C-alpha cells in the first residue's frame, strides 16, 4: 500500500536521483525490500515537474519541515534526506524510512500516517520551513 492517498508532486531532479538510488540498492543483496518497493510506487504515481515549477509548500528532498503529531500534539522538525545523510537524532530522516517516504511530495496542511510497532503514527505537515528549490538551490 502506498503511503499517500493524495497525489504527490516531485521534481525531475529528485525523481532521477531517487531512481538511481533505487537502481543501486536493488543491485545489492536484499534489494527486494518493501521500503524500496514503496519508494518505487511513489515515484511512479507522482506528478513530476521541473525544479523551478514546484510549489514552495511541497516537501522535496532536503526540505526541512515542521510537523505536529496528531495524537500527542508533539511538535517535530525534520529534514527529508537520502539514506547516507540520515541521522534521526539530528532530525534528518531517510526517504526510505516510513516517515520520510510519507512526507515526500506532501503539501502544507497534509496529514500522513503509517503503522509503527506500538501505534499508527499520524502527523500533520504544518510548514515547509526550508525547500531547496524555493531558495534557488536546484542542486541539493
N, C-alpha and C. Protein backbone atom coordinates (compact mmCIF):
# COMPACT_ATOMS: atom_id res chain seq x y z
N UNK A 1 0.84 -1.18 0.00
CA UNK A 1 0.00 0.00 0.00
C UNK A 1 0.88 1.24 0.00
N UNK A 2 0.56 2.22 -0.83
CA UNK A 2 1.33 3.45 -0.91
C UNK A 2 1.07 4.31 0.32
N UNK A 3 2.08 5.04 0.79
CA UNK A 3 1.91 5.89 1.96
C UNK A 3 0.93 7.02 1.74
N UNK A 4 0.73 7.47 0.51
CA UNK A 4 -0.14 8.61 0.23
C UNK A 4 -1.39 8.15 -0.49
N UNK A 5 -2.50 8.79 -0.16
CA UNK A 5 -3.70 8.56 -0.95
C UNK A 5 -3.91 9.74 -1.89
N UNK A 6 -3.39 10.91 -1.53
CA UNK A 6 -3.48 12.08 -2.40
C UNK A 6 -2.32 12.08 -3.38
N UNK A 7 -2.51 12.72 -4.55
CA UNK A 7 -1.39 12.80 -5.49
C UNK A 7 -0.24 13.59 -4.87
N UNK A 8 0.97 13.20 -5.20
CA UNK A 8 2.14 13.94 -4.72
C UNK A 8 2.85 14.57 -5.91
N UNK A 9 3.70 15.54 -5.61
CA UNK A 9 4.49 16.22 -6.63
C UNK A 9 5.96 16.04 -6.27
N UNK A 10 6.77 15.67 -7.26
CA UNK A 10 8.22 15.65 -7.06
C UNK A 10 8.88 16.32 -8.26
N UNK A 11 10.12 16.75 -8.07
CA UNK A 11 10.84 17.38 -9.17
C UNK A 11 11.49 16.32 -10.05
N UNK A 12 11.79 16.71 -11.28
CA UNK A 12 12.52 15.81 -12.18
C UNK A 12 13.86 15.43 -11.57
N UNK A 13 14.52 16.40 -10.96
CA UNK A 13 15.82 16.16 -10.34
C UNK A 13 15.72 15.12 -9.23
N UNK A 14 14.72 15.27 -8.35
CA UNK A 14 14.54 14.28 -7.27
C UNK A 14 14.16 12.92 -7.85
N UNK A 15 13.27 12.91 -8.84
CA UNK A 15 12.88 11.63 -9.45
C UNK A 15 14.09 10.90 -10.00
N UNK A 16 14.94 11.62 -10.71
CA UNK A 16 16.11 10.99 -11.32
C UNK A 16 17.08 10.47 -10.25
N UNK A 17 17.32 11.26 -9.21
CA UNK A 17 18.23 10.82 -8.15
C UNK A 17 17.65 9.64 -7.37
N UNK A 18 16.35 9.67 -7.12
CA UNK A 18 15.72 8.56 -6.41
C UNK A 18 15.72 7.29 -7.27
N UNK A 19 15.53 7.45 -8.57
CA UNK A 19 15.59 6.28 -9.47
C UNK A 19 16.99 5.67 -9.46
N UNK A 20 18.02 6.51 -9.46
CA UNK A 20 19.40 6.00 -9.38
C UNK A 20 19.65 5.30 -8.05
N UNK A 21 19.12 5.86 -6.97
CA UNK A 21 19.24 5.24 -5.65
C UNK A 21 18.59 3.86 -5.66
N UNK A 22 17.38 3.78 -6.20
CA UNK A 22 16.68 2.50 -6.28
C UNK A 22 17.49 1.49 -7.08
N UNK A 23 18.02 1.92 -8.20
CA UNK A 23 18.80 1.02 -9.06
C UNK A 23 20.02 0.49 -8.30
N UNK A 24 20.72 1.37 -7.60
CA UNK A 24 21.91 0.95 -6.85
C UNK A 24 21.55 0.01 -5.71
N UNK A 25 20.48 0.31 -4.99
CA UNK A 25 20.10 -0.53 -3.85
C UNK A 25 19.53 -1.87 -4.30
N UNK A 26 18.85 -1.89 -5.43
CA UNK A 26 18.30 -3.16 -5.94
C UNK A 26 19.41 -4.10 -6.41
N UNK A 27 20.56 -3.54 -6.77
CA UNK A 27 21.69 -4.36 -7.23
C UNK A 27 22.41 -5.05 -6.06
N UNK A 28 22.12 -4.63 -4.85
CA UNK A 28 22.75 -5.22 -3.66
C UNK A 28 21.96 -6.43 -3.18
N UNK A 29 22.60 -7.30 -2.39
CA UNK A 29 21.83 -8.38 -1.76
C UNK A 29 20.72 -7.78 -0.89
N UNK A 30 19.55 -8.38 -0.95
CA UNK A 30 18.40 -7.87 -0.19
C UNK A 30 17.73 -6.69 -0.88
N UNK A 31 18.01 -6.50 -2.15
CA UNK A 31 17.48 -5.37 -2.89
C UNK A 31 16.02 -5.46 -3.25
N UNK A 32 15.32 -6.39 -2.66
CA UNK A 32 13.88 -6.53 -2.93
C UNK A 32 13.06 -6.14 -1.70
N UNK A 33 13.56 -5.20 -0.90
CA UNK A 33 12.89 -4.85 0.35
C UNK A 33 11.59 -4.09 0.09
N UNK A 34 10.64 -4.20 1.03
CA UNK A 34 9.38 -3.46 0.90
C UNK A 34 9.58 -1.95 0.87
N UNK A 35 10.62 -1.43 1.55
CA UNK A 35 10.89 0.01 1.54
C UNK A 35 11.20 0.49 0.13
N UNK A 36 11.99 -0.30 -0.60
CA UNK A 36 12.34 0.08 -1.97
C UNK A 36 11.12 0.01 -2.88
N UNK A 37 10.31 -1.01 -2.68
CA UNK A 37 9.08 -1.14 -3.48
C UNK A 37 8.15 0.04 -3.22
N UNK A 38 8.02 0.45 -1.96
CA UNK A 38 7.16 1.58 -1.62
C UNK A 38 7.66 2.87 -2.28
N UNK A 39 8.97 3.08 -2.27
CA UNK A 39 9.53 4.27 -2.92
C UNK A 39 9.27 4.22 -4.42
N UNK A 40 9.45 3.07 -5.02
CA UNK A 40 9.22 2.93 -6.46
C UNK A 40 7.77 3.25 -6.81
N UNK A 41 6.84 2.79 -6.00
CA UNK A 41 5.42 3.07 -6.24
C UNK A 41 5.15 4.57 -6.16
N UNK A 42 5.73 5.23 -5.17
CA UNK A 42 5.52 6.67 -5.02
C UNK A 42 6.09 7.44 -6.21
N UNK A 43 7.27 7.05 -6.67
CA UNK A 43 7.88 7.72 -7.82
C UNK A 43 7.01 7.54 -9.06
N UNK A 44 6.51 6.34 -9.27
CA UNK A 44 5.70 6.05 -10.45
C UNK A 44 4.38 6.82 -10.47
N UNK A 45 3.79 7.05 -9.32
CA UNK A 45 2.49 7.71 -9.30
C UNK A 45 2.55 9.22 -9.11
N UNK A 46 3.76 9.75 -8.92
CA UNK A 46 3.93 11.18 -8.66
C UNK A 46 3.73 12.01 -9.92
N UNK A 47 3.23 13.22 -9.72
CA UNK A 47 3.27 14.24 -10.77
C UNK A 47 4.68 14.81 -10.73
N UNK A 48 5.36 14.78 -11.86
CA UNK A 48 6.76 15.23 -11.92
C UNK A 48 6.82 16.58 -12.62
N UNK A 49 7.51 17.54 -11.97
CA UNK A 49 7.62 18.89 -12.51
C UNK A 49 9.08 19.31 -12.55
N UNK A 50 9.36 20.34 -13.32
CA UNK A 50 10.71 20.91 -13.33
C UNK A 50 10.99 21.53 -11.96
N UNK A 51 12.24 21.51 -11.50
CA UNK A 51 12.54 22.05 -10.17
C UNK A 51 12.05 23.48 -9.95
N UNK A 52 12.11 24.32 -10.97
CA UNK A 52 11.66 25.70 -10.82
C UNK A 52 10.15 25.85 -10.76
N UNK A 53 9.42 24.78 -11.06
CA UNK A 53 7.95 24.83 -11.09
C UNK A 53 7.29 24.21 -9.86
N UNK A 54 8.08 23.70 -8.92
CA UNK A 54 7.49 23.06 -7.74
C UNK A 54 6.97 24.14 -6.79
N UNK A 55 5.74 24.02 -6.30
CA UNK A 55 5.25 25.00 -5.33
C UNK A 55 6.12 25.00 -4.06
N UNK A 56 6.29 26.14 -3.42
CA UNK A 56 7.17 26.23 -2.25
C UNK A 56 6.63 25.53 -1.01
N UNK A 57 5.37 25.11 -1.03
CA UNK A 57 4.79 24.44 0.14
C UNK A 57 4.80 22.92 0.01
N UNK A 58 5.61 22.39 -0.92
CA UNK A 58 5.71 20.95 -1.17
C UNK A 58 7.05 20.44 -0.64
N UNK A 59 7.02 19.26 -0.01
CA UNK A 59 8.24 18.64 0.52
C UNK A 59 9.01 17.97 -0.61
N UNK A 60 10.23 18.44 -0.82
CA UNK A 60 11.16 17.84 -1.77
C UNK A 60 12.32 17.26 -0.98
N UNK A 61 13.23 16.60 -1.67
CA UNK A 61 14.42 16.09 -0.99
C UNK A 61 15.18 17.27 -0.37
N UNK A 62 15.65 17.07 0.85
CA UNK A 62 16.39 18.06 1.62
C UNK A 62 15.53 19.22 2.11
N UNK A 63 14.21 19.04 2.10
CA UNK A 63 13.32 20.04 2.68
C UNK A 63 13.26 19.84 4.19
N UNK A 64 13.24 20.96 4.91
CA UNK A 64 13.07 20.94 6.37
C UNK A 64 11.62 21.28 6.66
N UNK A 65 10.97 20.43 7.46
CA UNK A 65 9.54 20.59 7.70
C UNK A 65 9.22 20.64 9.19
N UNK A 66 8.15 21.34 9.51
CA UNK A 66 7.63 21.38 10.88
C UNK A 66 6.34 20.57 10.90
N UNK A 67 6.26 19.64 11.86
CA UNK A 67 5.16 18.68 11.94
C UNK A 67 4.52 18.72 13.31
N UNK A 68 3.28 18.26 13.38
CA UNK A 68 2.59 18.06 14.66
C UNK A 68 2.07 16.64 14.69
N UNK A 69 2.39 15.92 15.77
CA UNK A 69 1.84 14.59 16.00
C UNK A 69 0.38 14.79 16.40
N UNK A 70 -0.54 14.25 15.65
CA UNK A 70 -1.96 14.49 15.88
C UNK A 70 -2.50 13.80 17.13
N UNK A 71 -1.77 12.83 17.65
CA UNK A 71 -2.22 12.14 18.86
C UNK A 71 -1.64 12.75 20.13
N UNK A 72 -0.40 13.19 20.08
CA UNK A 72 0.27 13.70 21.28
C UNK A 72 0.45 15.21 21.27
N UNK A 73 0.22 15.85 20.14
CA UNK A 73 0.44 17.28 19.92
C UNK A 73 1.92 17.68 19.99
N UNK A 74 2.80 16.68 20.00
CA UNK A 74 4.24 16.95 19.98
C UNK A 74 4.60 17.63 18.66
N UNK A 75 5.49 18.62 18.74
CA UNK A 75 5.97 19.31 17.55
C UNK A 75 7.33 18.74 17.18
N UNK A 76 7.51 18.49 15.89
CA UNK A 76 8.75 17.91 15.38
C UNK A 76 9.27 18.77 14.24
N UNK A 77 10.58 18.75 14.08
CA UNK A 77 11.22 19.40 12.94
C UNK A 77 12.12 18.35 12.29
N UNK A 78 11.88 18.07 11.02
CA UNK A 78 12.61 17.02 10.31
C UNK A 78 13.05 17.52 8.94
N UNK A 79 14.14 16.93 8.45
CA UNK A 79 14.61 17.17 7.10
C UNK A 79 14.61 15.82 6.37
N UNK A 80 13.99 15.76 5.21
CA UNK A 80 13.93 14.52 4.42
C UNK A 80 15.20 14.44 3.57
N UNK A 81 15.98 13.37 3.79
CA UNK A 81 17.30 13.25 3.17
C UNK A 81 17.49 11.88 2.52
N UNK A 82 18.57 11.75 1.77
CA UNK A 82 18.96 10.45 1.22
C UNK A 82 19.53 9.60 2.35
N UNK A 83 19.48 8.27 2.21
CA UNK A 83 19.87 7.38 3.31
C UNK A 83 21.24 7.67 3.92
N UNK A 84 22.23 8.01 3.12
CA UNK A 84 23.57 8.25 3.65
C UNK A 84 23.68 9.46 4.55
N UNK A 85 22.74 10.39 4.46
CA UNK A 85 22.76 11.61 5.28
C UNK A 85 21.82 11.51 6.48
N UNK A 86 21.13 10.39 6.63
CA UNK A 86 20.14 10.25 7.70
C UNK A 86 20.79 10.20 9.07
N UNK A 87 20.17 10.88 10.02
CA UNK A 87 20.58 10.88 11.43
C UNK A 87 19.37 11.35 12.23
N UNK A 88 18.59 10.41 12.72
CA UNK A 88 17.33 10.73 13.38
C UNK A 88 17.54 11.68 14.56
N UNK A 89 18.62 11.48 15.32
CA UNK A 89 18.88 12.35 16.48
C UNK A 89 19.09 13.80 16.07
N UNK A 90 19.55 14.02 14.85
CA UNK A 90 19.75 15.38 14.33
C UNK A 90 18.56 15.86 13.50
N UNK A 91 17.50 15.06 13.46
CA UNK A 91 16.30 15.46 12.72
C UNK A 91 16.38 15.23 11.23
N UNK A 92 17.29 14.37 10.79
CA UNK A 92 17.40 14.05 9.36
C UNK A 92 16.88 12.64 9.14
N UNK A 93 15.75 12.54 8.45
CA UNK A 93 15.07 11.26 8.26
C UNK A 93 15.23 10.80 6.81
N UNK A 94 15.59 9.54 6.65
CA UNK A 94 15.80 8.97 5.32
C UNK A 94 14.48 8.89 4.55
N UNK A 95 14.57 9.15 3.27
CA UNK A 95 13.41 9.00 2.40
C UNK A 95 12.96 7.54 2.35
N UNK A 96 13.83 6.61 2.72
CA UNK A 96 13.45 5.19 2.75
C UNK A 96 12.73 4.80 4.04
N UNK A 97 12.81 5.65 5.08
CA UNK A 97 12.09 5.38 6.32
C UNK A 97 10.60 5.68 6.09
N UNK A 98 9.72 4.99 6.78
CA UNK A 98 8.29 5.25 6.57
C UNK A 98 7.90 6.72 6.70
N UNK A 99 8.46 7.42 7.70
CA UNK A 99 8.13 8.84 7.86
C UNK A 99 8.64 9.66 6.68
N UNK A 100 9.87 9.42 6.27
CA UNK A 100 10.44 10.18 5.15
C UNK A 100 9.66 9.97 3.87
N UNK A 101 9.32 8.74 3.59
CA UNK A 101 8.56 8.44 2.38
C UNK A 101 7.16 9.04 2.46
N UNK A 102 6.56 9.00 3.64
CA UNK A 102 5.22 9.57 3.80
C UNK A 102 5.23 11.08 3.56
N UNK A 103 6.33 11.75 3.89
CA UNK A 103 6.40 13.20 3.74
C UNK A 103 6.74 13.66 2.33
N UNK A 104 7.50 12.86 1.59
CA UNK A 104 7.95 13.27 0.26
C UNK A 104 6.75 13.62 -0.63
N UNK A 105 6.78 14.82 -1.19
CA UNK A 105 5.73 15.24 -2.11
C UNK A 105 4.49 15.80 -1.45
N UNK A 106 4.45 15.80 -0.12
CA UNK A 106 3.28 16.35 0.59
C UNK A 106 3.29 17.87 0.54
N UNK A 107 2.11 18.42 0.80
CA UNK A 107 1.94 19.88 0.87
C UNK A 107 1.62 20.27 2.30
N UNK A 108 1.87 21.53 2.62
CA UNK A 108 1.49 22.04 3.93
C UNK A 108 0.01 21.74 4.19
N UNK A 109 -0.30 21.37 5.42
CA UNK A 109 -1.64 21.01 5.90
C UNK A 109 -2.02 19.57 5.59
N UNK A 110 -1.23 18.85 4.78
CA UNK A 110 -1.50 17.43 4.54
C UNK A 110 -1.28 16.64 5.83
N UNK A 111 -2.03 15.57 5.96
CA UNK A 111 -1.85 14.64 7.08
C UNK A 111 -1.36 13.32 6.52
N UNK A 112 -0.39 12.72 7.22
CA UNK A 112 0.16 11.43 6.80
C UNK A 112 0.09 10.47 7.97
N UNK A 113 0.04 9.19 7.65
CA UNK A 113 0.06 8.17 8.72
C UNK A 113 0.72 6.91 8.21
N UNK A 114 1.26 6.15 9.15
CA UNK A 114 1.87 4.87 8.83
C UNK A 114 1.92 4.06 10.12
N UNK A 115 1.91 2.73 10.01
CA UNK A 115 1.94 1.90 11.21
C UNK A 115 3.34 1.82 11.80
N UNK A 116 3.41 1.82 13.12
CA UNK A 116 4.65 1.55 13.85
C UNK A 116 4.37 0.35 14.75
N UNK A 117 5.38 -0.23 15.38
CA UNK A 117 5.11 -1.38 16.24
C UNK A 117 4.13 -1.08 17.38
N UNK A 118 4.12 0.17 17.88
CA UNK A 118 3.27 0.47 19.03
C UNK A 118 1.94 1.12 18.68
N UNK A 119 1.88 1.80 17.53
CA UNK A 119 0.64 2.51 17.16
C UNK A 119 0.74 2.99 15.73
N UNK A 120 -0.36 3.50 15.22
CA UNK A 120 -0.33 4.17 13.93
C UNK A 120 0.08 5.61 14.19
N UNK A 121 1.13 6.03 13.54
CA UNK A 121 1.65 7.39 13.72
C UNK A 121 0.91 8.31 12.76
N UNK A 122 0.41 9.42 13.27
CA UNK A 122 -0.34 10.38 12.45
C UNK A 122 0.26 11.77 12.64
N UNK A 123 0.69 12.37 11.55
CA UNK A 123 1.31 13.69 11.60
C UNK A 123 0.64 14.64 10.62
N UNK A 124 0.65 15.92 10.97
CA UNK A 124 0.20 16.96 10.05
C UNK A 124 1.41 17.82 9.69
N UNK A 125 1.56 18.09 8.42
CA UNK A 125 2.64 18.96 7.95
C UNK A 125 2.20 20.41 8.15
N UNK A 126 2.77 21.04 9.17
CA UNK A 126 2.40 22.42 9.49
C UNK A 126 3.04 23.41 8.52
N UNK A 127 4.35 23.18 8.22
CA UNK A 127 5.04 24.17 7.41
C UNK A 127 6.28 23.57 6.78
N UNK A 128 6.52 23.94 5.54
CA UNK A 128 7.80 23.65 4.90
C UNK A 128 8.70 24.83 5.25
N UNK A 129 9.58 24.63 6.23
CA UNK A 129 10.43 25.71 6.73
C UNK A 129 11.55 26.05 5.75
N UNK A 130 12.00 25.05 5.01
CA UNK A 130 13.04 25.26 4.00
C UNK A 130 12.83 24.26 2.88
N UNK A 131 12.80 24.77 1.68
CA UNK A 131 12.75 23.91 0.49
C UNK A 131 13.86 24.40 -0.44
N UNK A 132 14.79 23.52 -0.82
CA UNK A 132 15.91 23.97 -1.65
C UNK A 132 15.47 24.73 -2.90
N UNK A 133 14.48 24.23 -3.59
CA UNK A 133 14.05 24.85 -4.85
C UNK A 133 13.50 26.26 -4.62
N UNK A 134 12.76 26.47 -3.53
CA UNK A 134 12.22 27.79 -3.23
C UNK A 134 13.33 28.78 -2.89
N UNK A 135 14.48 28.26 -2.47
CA UNK A 135 15.64 29.09 -2.14
C UNK A 135 16.61 29.22 -3.31
N UNK A 136 16.19 28.73 -4.49
CA UNK A 136 17.04 28.81 -5.66
C UNK A 136 18.14 27.77 -5.72
N UNK A 137 18.07 26.77 -4.83
CA UNK A 137 19.06 25.69 -4.81
C UNK A 137 18.49 24.50 -5.55
N UNK A 138 18.95 24.29 -6.75
CA UNK A 138 18.46 23.19 -7.57
C UNK A 138 19.44 22.03 -7.61
N UNK A 139 20.44 22.07 -6.72
CA UNK A 139 21.48 21.04 -6.70
C UNK A 139 21.51 20.25 -5.40
N UNK A 140 20.55 20.44 -4.51
CA UNK A 140 20.53 19.72 -3.23
C UNK A 140 19.63 18.51 -3.30
